[in-house]
């Protein structure tokens, strides 16, 4: 399924809503990951491709499902950059480690 521009922006709002919740909870690594996913969604990367079967509702909890999948990959040792990301430093290096630009393709 090809998402329309409206669908993409609706999905971006859904991801931004989850980002706001994570920011309020102090989950800075998830905030960085969600920032990367929002940019990736708009760039046409793998995040957009995962939404091919999205039903268009926030109730589907897609952002949370993707975060859960990434967490599982980290626990299984298949995403070492996410297993123990460095603490936020303000430099942005830790953010790039949470969502490497190589994932946005």
Protein backbone atom coordinates (compact mmCIF):
# COMPACT_ATOMS: atom_id res chain seq x y z
CA UNK A 1 0.00 0.00 0.00
CA UNK A 2 1.32 3.44 -0.90
CA UNK A 3 0.60 6.04 1.75
CA UNK A 4 -0.82 9.38 0.68
CA UNK A 5 0.77 12.62 1.88
CA UNK A 6 -2.12 12.95 4.33
CA UNK A 7 -1.50 9.42 5.62
CA UNK A 8 2.21 10.17 6.07
CA UNK A 9 1.50 13.34 8.02
CA UNK A 10 -1.15 11.56 10.08
CA UNK A 11 1.36 8.86 10.90
CA UNK A 12 3.98 11.51 11.74
CA UNK A 13 1.49 13.07 14.20
CA UNK A 14 0.90 9.65 15.72
CA UNK A 15 4.66 9.14 16.17
CA UNK A 16 4.98 12.69 17.56
CA UNK A 17 2.26 11.90 20.11
CA UNK A 18 4.21 8.87 21.33
CA UNK A 19 7.35 11.04 21.35
CA UNK A 20 5.64 13.60 23.60
CA UNK A 21 4.61 10.86 26.01
CA UNK A 22 8.17 9.48 26.10
CA UNK A 23 9.60 12.98 26.61
CA UNK A 24 7.25 13.57 29.53
CA UNK A 25 8.30 10.23 31.02
CA UNK A 26 12.01 11.08 30.61
CA UNK A 27 12.65 8.27 28.12
CA UNK A 28 15.29 10.21 26.19
CA UNK A 29 16.53 7.26 24.16
CA UNK A 30 13.00 6.57 22.91
CA UNK A 31 12.58 10.27 22.12
CA UNK A 32 15.72 10.10 19.97
CA UNK A 33 14.52 6.93 18.25
CA UNK A 34 11.09 8.45 17.59
CA UNK A 35 12.70 11.61 16.18
CA UNK A 36 14.62 9.36 13.79
CA UNK A 37 11.49 7.43 12.87
CA UNK A 38 9.54 10.62 12.14
CA UNK A 39 12.31 11.88 9.84
CA UNK A 40 12.62 8.44 8.26
CA UNK A 41 8.86 8.25 7.71
CA UNK A 42 8.90 11.54 5.85
CA UNK A 43 12.02 10.51 3.88
CA UNK A 44 10.38 7.30 2.66
CA UNK A 45 12.64 4.96 4.63
CA UNK A 46 11.91 1.68 6.39
CA UNK A 47 9.58 3.32 8.91
CA UNK A 48 7.21 4.23 6.09
CA UNK A 49 7.45 0.74 4.67
CA UNK A 50 6.43 -0.77 8.02
CA UNK A 51 3.21 1.23 7.79
CA UNK A 52 2.11 -0.49 4.58
CA UNK A 53 -0.67 -2.26 6.48
CA UNK A 54 -1.42 0.51 9.00
CA UNK A 55 -5.14 0.98 9.49
CA UNK A 56 -4.83 4.77 9.79
CA UNK A 57 -5.74 4.96 13.47
CA UNK A 58 -3.72 5.88 16.52
CA UNK A 59 -5.30 2.90 18.26
CA UNK A 60 -3.02 0.59 16.29
CA UNK A 61 -0.13 1.78 18.53
CA UNK A 62 2.37 1.42 15.69
CA UNK A 63 5.05 3.62 17.27
CA UNK A 64 4.90 1.63 20.49
CA UNK A 65 4.98 -1.66 18.59
CA UNK A 66 8.09 -0.57 16.67
CA UNK A 67 9.78 0.58 19.90
CA UNK A 68 8.96 -2.81 21.40
CA UNK A 69 10.47 -4.60 18.42
CA UNK A 70 13.63 -2.49 18.63
CA UNK A 71 13.82 -3.21 22.36
CA UNK A 72 13.59 -6.93 21.63
CA UNK A 73 16.37 -6.66 19.04
CA UNK A 74 18.53 -4.87 21.61
CA UNK A 75 17.87 -7.55 24.23
CA UNK A 76 18.70 -10.29 21.71
CA UNK A 77 22.00 -8.59 20.83
CA UNK A 78 20.88 -7.89 17.26
CA UNK A 79 20.89 -4.09 17.72
CA UNK A 80 23.99 -3.40 19.83
CA UNK A 81 23.75 0.36 19.29
CA UNK A 82 20.45 0.28 21.16
CA UNK A 83 21.53 -2.18 23.84
CA UNK A 84 23.43 0.40 25.87
CA UNK A 85 23.25 3.82 24.22
CA UNK A 86 25.37 6.45 25.93
CA UNK A 87 23.65 8.97 28.16
CA UNK A 88 22.55 12.20 26.51
CA UNK A 89 25.43 14.66 26.25
CA UNK A 90 23.96 17.50 24.24
CA UNK A 91 26.40 16.81 21.42
CA UNK A 92 23.96 14.81 19.33
CA UNK A 93 26.38 11.88 18.98
CA UNK A 94 24.28 9.71 21.28
CA UNK A 95 21.16 10.57 19.21
CA UNK A 96 22.88 9.40 16.02
CA UNK A 97 23.69 6.15 17.77
CA UNK A 98 20.01 5.66 18.67
CA UNK A 99 18.85 6.13 15.07
CA UNK A 100 21.80 5.71 12.69
CA UNK A 101 21.40 7.48 9.36
CA UNK A 102 22.09 4.11 7.71
CA UNK A 103 18.63 3.02 8.88
CA UNK A 104 17.00 5.80 6.89
CA UNK A 105 17.04 4.43 3.38
